[in-house]
Amino acid sequence: MKAHILFIVVLIAVALLVPLAIGLRGCDYYTTPEAERPFHPRYEVMKPSGVESHGYGIVGSLMIIGGVAMYASRKRLPFFRNAGPIRTYLSVHIFLCLLGPSLIVYHTTFKFGGLVAVSLWSMLAVVASGVIGRYLYVQIPKTIQGQEMTEGEMTKESDVLRQTLLATSGLAPADLEQMEALVHSRDGKRHAGILGVLLDGLTFDLHRRRQLRLFRQEFERSRISGQLLARLSHLALRRSVLRRRMEMLEQSRKLFHLWHVIHLPFTIVMFVILFIHVGVAVAFGYWWIW
């Protein structure tokens, strides 16, 4: 688990630092008005067909293609079914499909127009919907292997957490139920409908620290302190999160299906126009450094 968290931190750091470094490097050119750019000292390398910006476009496109192909292969091809945890592939897919588009934006030098603009805005729509899809994906409980848990498995895990809490804390079952009911009663008004349930889940996730603090307060009232207090608080929070996701499971599944319906067309449009753009560029002799 710690190795996976470190892996995620490294990916996030690279995804943030690389675009920042490129932006700082070309800041002077990007902030120059379009009419004056041909007179800029770095115009020949920074224009969209220049060596540097063209390179950003090629690398960014390869990242997107590679990220989509890798993740789709892991999900759909039997050969890749046992080739590592799917969550690792998903993390790399998200990394490549966030960093790749940022490089493509630098390739355009922030000039959006014509047919390519449709691909660009489709790409940005794919990125935005991908962020939403990632959140919905997390709302559906998974096993360690990344497979969706059945309701029986979720109930069993919740019961195991409950038994661990009872055995570790020494609380009576009625006391634990009262404590959990008291904490959940502070969550506020519930909303109706699919989007309302999603809003509840988002609010819950945004107030995770508050939820942890409430659990700690309830355990402190039971005169539990020290390292045991921290462990019990985290166990209780894990159970609370699992129960909340079980409550919104059906709605999450429906929204995830709807997300696929929206996400896929934007992806197809993006790739069709991307390949047309690449084909035209090659036909006109824009071969980058070759």
Protein backbone atom coordinates (compact mmCIF):
# COMPACT_ATOMS: atom_id res chain seq x y z
CA MET A 1 0.00 0.00 0.00
CA LYS A 2 2.79 2.43 0.93
CA ALA A 3 4.61 1.65 -2.34
CA HIS A 4 1.44 2.40 -4.31
CA ILE A 5 0.92 5.69 -2.45
CA LEU A 6 4.55 6.68 -3.15
CA PHE A 7 4.01 5.75 -6.82
CA ILE A 8 0.93 7.99 -6.98
CA VAL A 9 2.81 10.87 -5.31
CA VAL A 10 5.62 10.61 -7.87
CA LEU A 11 3.13 10.61 -10.77
CA ILE A 12 1.32 13.65 -9.36
CA ALA A 13 4.61 15.50 -8.84
CA VAL A 14 5.74 14.83 -12.42
CA ALA A 15 2.30 15.74 -13.85
CA LEU A 16 2.47 19.09 -12.04
CA LEU A 17 6.14 19.97 -12.35
CA VAL A 18 6.66 19.18 -16.07
CA PRO A 19 3.93 21.59 -17.34
CA LEU A 20 5.08 24.19 -14.82
CA ALA A 21 8.70 23.92 -16.03
CA ILE A 22 7.64 24.18 -19.69
CA GLY A 23 5.43 27.16 -18.92
CA LEU A 24 8.24 28.97 -17.11
CA ARG A 25 10.69 28.15 -19.90
CA GLY A 26 8.46 29.57 -22.64
CA CYS A 27 6.64 32.21 -20.61
CA ASP A 28 8.16 35.09 -22.54
CA TYR A 29 6.99 33.65 -25.88
CA TYR A 30 3.52 32.57 -24.69
CA THR A 31 2.78 36.03 -23.29
CA THR A 32 3.88 37.79 -26.50
CA PRO A 33 0.90 39.00 -28.62
CA GLU A 34 0.29 36.81 -31.69
CA ALA A 35 1.04 39.62 -34.13
CA GLU A 36 4.49 40.11 -32.58
CA ARG A 37 5.49 36.46 -32.23
CA PRO A 38 7.14 36.18 -35.68
CA PHE A 39 9.66 38.76 -34.45
CA HIS A 40 10.39 36.91 -31.21
CA PRO A 41 13.98 35.50 -31.01
CA ARG A 42 12.65 31.97 -30.32
CA TYR A 43 9.86 32.04 -32.89
CA GLU A 44 11.38 29.38 -35.16
CA VAL A 45 11.56 26.78 -32.38
CA MET A 46 8.47 27.84 -30.42
CA LYS A 47 5.88 28.14 -33.22
CA PRO A 48 3.55 25.08 -33.45
CA SER A 49 5.64 23.60 -36.28
CA GLY A 50 8.92 24.51 -34.56
CA VAL A 51 11.21 21.85 -33.12
CA GLU A 52 10.28 22.45 -29.47
CA SER A 53 6.51 22.95 -29.75
CA HIS A 54 6.18 20.26 -32.41
CA GLY A 55 7.97 17.90 -30.03
CA TYR A 56 5.49 18.67 -27.28
CA GLY A 57 2.66 17.75 -29.63
CA ILE A 58 4.23 14.45 -30.66
CA VAL A 59 5.14 13.39 -27.12
CA GLY A 60 1.74 14.48 -25.78
CA SER A 61 -0.13 12.58 -28.50
CA LEU A 62 1.91 9.43 -27.88
CA MET A 63 1.18 9.73 -24.15
CA ILE A 64 -2.56 9.88 -24.76
CA ILE A 65 -2.55 7.01 -27.27
CA GLY A 66 -0.33 4.91 -25.01
CA GLY A 67 -2.39 5.65 -21.91
CA VAL A 68 -5.69 4.74 -23.56
CA ALA A 69 -4.30 1.64 -25.31
CA MET A 70 -2.61 0.34 -22.15
CA TYR A 71 -5.65 0.74 -19.90
CA ALA A 72 -8.11 -0.56 -22.50
CA SER A 73 -5.90 -3.62 -23.09
CA ARG A 74 -5.73 -4.36 -19.36
CA LYS A 75 -9.53 -4.12 -19.07
CA ARG A 76 -10.60 -5.96 -22.22
CA LEU A 77 -7.90 -8.36 -23.43
CA PRO A 78 -7.72 -11.76 -21.67
CA PHE A 79 -3.94 -11.83 -22.10
CA PHE A 80 -3.55 -8.83 -19.77
CA ARG A 81 -6.09 -9.94 -17.13
CA ASN A 82 -3.39 -11.05 -14.69
CA ALA A 83 -0.77 -8.48 -15.68
CA GLY A 84 -0.78 -6.55 -12.39
CA PRO A 85 -3.45 -4.66 -10.42
CA ILE A 86 -5.86 -2.69 -12.57
CA ARG A 87 -5.57 0.30 -10.21
CA THR A 88 -1.91 0.68 -11.25
CA TYR A 89 -2.90 0.77 -14.91
CA LEU A 90 -5.66 3.26 -14.10
CA SER A 91 -3.19 5.50 -12.26
CA VAL A 92 -0.75 5.46 -15.19
CA HIS A 93 -3.64 6.00 -17.62
CA ILE A 94 -4.76 9.09 -15.70
CA PHE A 95 -1.17 10.37 -15.46
CA LEU A 96 -0.51 10.01 -19.20
CA CYS A 97 -3.92 11.42 -20.14
CA LEU A 98 -3.39 14.48 -17.97
CA LEU A 99 0.23 15.21 -18.83
CA GLY A 100 -0.26 14.44 -22.55
CA PRO A 101 -3.01 17.05 -23.09
CA SER A 102 -1.02 19.69 -21.22
CA LEU A 103 1.88 19.10 -23.64
CA ILE A 104 -0.50 19.37 -26.60
CA VAL A 105 -1.77 22.71 -25.30
CA TYR A 106 1.84 23.92 -25.28
CA HIS A 107 2.20 22.55 -28.83
CA THR A 108 -0.62 24.87 -29.93
CA THR A 109 1.16 27.79 -28.19
CA PHE A 110 -2.33 28.70 -26.97
CA LYS A 111 -3.62 29.39 -30.50
CA PHE A 112 -6.97 27.65 -30.95
CA GLY A 113 -8.77 27.67 -34.28
CA GLY A 114 -10.06 25.61 -37.19
CA LEU A 115 -10.66 21.85 -37.14
CA VAL A 116 -7.86 21.28 -34.64
CA ALA A 117 -9.76 23.41 -32.13
CA VAL A 118 -12.58 20.83 -32.19
CA SER A 119 -10.08 18.11 -31.29
CA LEU A 120 -8.55 20.30 -28.60
CA TRP A 121 -11.86 21.11 -26.94
CA SER A 122 -12.89 17.46 -27.23
CA MET A 123 -9.63 16.54 -25.54
CA LEU A 124 -10.25 19.01 -22.72
CA ALA A 125 -13.80 17.63 -22.38
CA VAL A 126 -12.33 14.12 -22.14
CA VAL A 127 -9.90 15.29 -19.44
CA ALA A 128 -12.67 17.02 -17.46
CA SER A 129 -15.03 14.05 -17.72
CA GLY A 130 -12.13 11.75 -16.86
CA VAL A 131 -11.68 13.53 -13.53
CA ILE A 132 -15.39 13.01 -12.80
CA GLY A 133 -15.14 9.38 -13.94
CA ARG A 134 -12.23 8.78 -11.60
CA TYR A 135 -14.31 10.06 -8.68
CA LEU A 136 -17.26 7.84 -9.64
CA TYR A 137 -14.90 4.86 -10.03
CA VAL A 138 -13.67 5.33 -6.47
CA GLN A 139 -17.25 5.37 -5.15
CA ILE A 140 -17.74 1.75 -6.22
CA PRO A 141 -15.88 -0.43 -3.65
CA LYS A 142 -13.20 -2.68 -5.14
CA THR A 143 -11.19 -5.68 -4.01
CA ILE A 144 -7.38 -5.51 -3.75
CA GLN A 145 -7.23 -6.89 -7.33
CA GLY A 146 -9.41 -3.98 -8.50
CA GLN A 147 -12.54 -6.05 -9.13
CA GLU A 148 -15.90 -4.58 -8.16
CA MET A 149 -17.05 -5.99 -4.82
CA THR A 150 -20.35 -7.78 -4.51
CA GLU A 151 -22.88 -6.64 -1.92
CA GLY A 152 -22.05 -9.76 0.10
CA GLU A 153 -18.33 -8.91 0.10
CA MET A 154 -19.05 -5.33 1.16
CA THR A 155 -21.31 -6.49 3.98
CA LYS A 156 -18.67 -9.00 5.11
CA GLU A 157 -15.92 -6.35 5.14
CA SER A 158 -18.16 -3.97 7.09
CA ASP A 159 -18.86 -6.73 9.63
CA VAL A 160 -15.14 -7.51 9.93
CA LEU A 161 -14.39 -3.84 10.61
CA ARG A 162 -17.18 -3.75 13.18
CA GLN A 163 -15.86 -6.84 14.97
CA THR A 164 -12.32 -5.42 14.94
CA LEU A 165 -13.59 -2.17 16.44
CA LEU A 166 -15.49 -4.02 19.16
CA ALA A 167 -12.59 -6.34 20.00
CA THR A 168 -9.97 -3.58 20.01
CA SER A 169 -11.93 -0.86 21.79
CA GLY A 170 -13.69 -3.02 24.34
CA LEU A 171 -16.95 -1.19 23.62
CA ALA A 172 -20.28 -2.95 23.86
CA PRO A 173 -22.11 -3.43 20.53
CA ALA A 174 -24.85 -1.03 21.63
CA ASP A 175 -22.26 1.65 22.56
CA LEU A 176 -20.56 1.36 19.18
CA GLU A 177 -23.88 1.62 17.33
CA GLN A 178 -24.85 4.64 19.40
CA MET A 179 -21.51 6.30 18.69
CA GLU A 180 -21.80 5.69 14.93
CA ALA A 181 -25.43 6.89 14.90
CA LEU A 182 -24.42 10.05 16.75
CA VAL A 183 -21.62 10.80 14.27
CA HIS A 184 -23.81 10.12 11.23
CA SER A 185 -26.59 12.28 12.64
CA ARG A 186 -24.23 15.27 12.34
CA ASP A 187 -23.78 14.75 8.60
CA GLY A 188 -26.71 17.03 7.77
CA LYS A 189 -29.69 16.76 5.48
CA ARG A 190 -29.70 14.02 2.83
CA HIS A 191 -30.65 14.81 -0.76
CA ALA A 192 -32.98 12.79 -2.97
CA GLY A 193 -32.24 11.47 -6.45
CA ILE A 194 -29.08 10.22 -8.16
CA LEU A 195 -27.33 13.59 -8.30
CA GLY A 196 -28.41 14.32 -4.72
CA VAL A 197 -26.81 11.11 -3.48
CA LEU A 198 -23.65 11.98 -5.41
CA LEU A 199 -23.66 15.41 -3.78
CA ASP A 200 -23.96 13.72 -0.38
CA GLY A 201 -20.96 11.53 -1.19
CA LEU A 202 -18.90 14.49 -2.38
CA THR A 203 -19.79 16.46 0.75
CA PHE A 204 -18.84 13.48 2.89
CA ASP A 205 -15.46 13.13 1.14
CA LEU A 206 -14.72 16.85 1.45
CA HIS A 207 -15.41 16.67 5.18
CA ARG A 208 -13.38 13.51 5.79
CA ARG A 209 -11.10 15.23 8.31
CA ARG A 210 -14.12 16.48 10.21
CA GLN A 211 -15.55 12.97 10.23
CA LEU A 212 -12.27 11.61 11.63
CA ARG A 213 -12.28 14.29 14.32
CA LEU A 214 -15.83 13.38 15.32
CA PHE A 215 -14.86 9.73 15.69
CA ARG A 216 -11.86 10.68 17.83
CA GLN A 217 -14.10 12.75 20.08
CA GLU A 218 -16.51 9.87 20.54
CA PHE A 219 -13.70 7.45 21.37
CA GLU A 220 -12.18 9.96 23.81
CA ARG A 221 -15.49 10.04 25.63
CA SER A 222 -15.06 6.30 26.09
CA ARG A 223 -11.68 7.08 27.75
CA ILE A 224 -9.63 5.63 24.91
CA SER A 225 -6.45 7.54 24.15
CA GLY A 226 -2.97 7.28 22.65
CA GLN A 227 -2.05 5.16 19.61
CA LEU A 228 -5.16 3.03 20.10
CA LEU A 229 -7.30 6.14 19.66
CA ALA A 230 -5.75 6.88 16.25
CA ARG A 231 -6.13 3.26 15.06
CA LEU A 232 -9.74 3.01 16.19
CA SER A 233 -10.59 6.35 14.58
CA HIS A 234 -9.20 5.22 11.23
CA LEU A 235 -10.99 1.86 11.44
CA ALA A 236 -14.26 3.61 12.24
CA LEU A 237 -13.76 6.04 9.36
CA ARG A 238 -13.05 3.15 6.97
CA ARG A 239 -16.31 1.51 8.03
CA SER A 240 -18.18 4.79 7.73
CA VAL A 241 -16.83 5.35 4.19
CA LEU A 242 -17.72 1.78 3.19
CA ARG A 243 -21.25 2.12 4.57
CA ARG A 244 -21.73 5.44 2.78
CA ARG A 245 -20.57 3.95 -0.52
CA MET A 246 -22.84 0.96 -0.01
CA GLU A 247 -25.74 3.39 0.41
CA MET A 248 -25.00 5.15 -2.87
CA LEU A 249 -23.80 2.04 -4.75
CA GLU A 250 -26.72 1.71 -7.16
CA GLN A 251 -26.71 5.44 -7.94
CA SER A 252 -22.94 5.38 -8.46
CA ARG A 253 -23.28 2.52 -10.92
CA LYS A 254 -25.96 4.39 -12.87
CA LEU A 255 -23.87 7.57 -12.99
CA PHE A 256 -20.78 5.60 -13.99
CA HIS A 257 -22.73 4.05 -16.89
CA LEU A 258 -24.00 7.50 -17.92
CA TRP A 259 -20.43 8.82 -17.69
CA HIS A 260 -19.27 6.16 -20.19
CA VAL A 261 -22.00 7.25 -22.61
CA ILE A 262 -20.75 10.86 -22.44
CA HIS A 263 -17.01 10.18 -22.23
CA LEU A 264 -16.74 7.83 -25.21
CA PRO A 265 -18.03 10.16 -27.99
CA PHE A 266 -15.64 12.93 -26.95
CA THR A 267 -12.79 10.41 -26.99
CA ILE A 268 -13.69 9.18 -30.48
CA VAL A 269 -13.96 12.75 -31.87
CA MET A 270 -10.63 13.64 -30.29
CA PHE A 271 -8.80 10.68 -31.84
CA VAL A 272 -10.41 11.01 -35.29
CA ILE A 273 -9.40 14.67 -35.62
CA LEU A 274 -6.00 13.97 -34.03
CA PHE A 275 -5.20 11.36 -36.69
CA ILE A 276 -6.48 13.68 -39.44
CA HIS A 277 -4.24 16.45 -38.08
CA VAL A 278 -1.22 14.15 -37.93
CA GLY A 279 -1.90 12.84 -41.43
CA VAL A 280 -2.14 16.36 -42.89
CA ALA A 281 1.02 17.45 -41.06
CA VAL A 282 2.99 14.48 -42.41
CA ALA A 283 1.58 15.00 -45.91
CA PHE A 284 2.83 18.60 -45.88
CA GLY A 285 6.28 17.51 -44.74
CA TYR A 286 6.18 18.40 -41.04
CA TRP A 287 8.27 15.44 -39.88
CA TRP A 288 9.70 17.12 -36.80
CA ILE A 289 13.44 16.30 -36.48
CA TRP A 290 13.54 13.58 -39.14
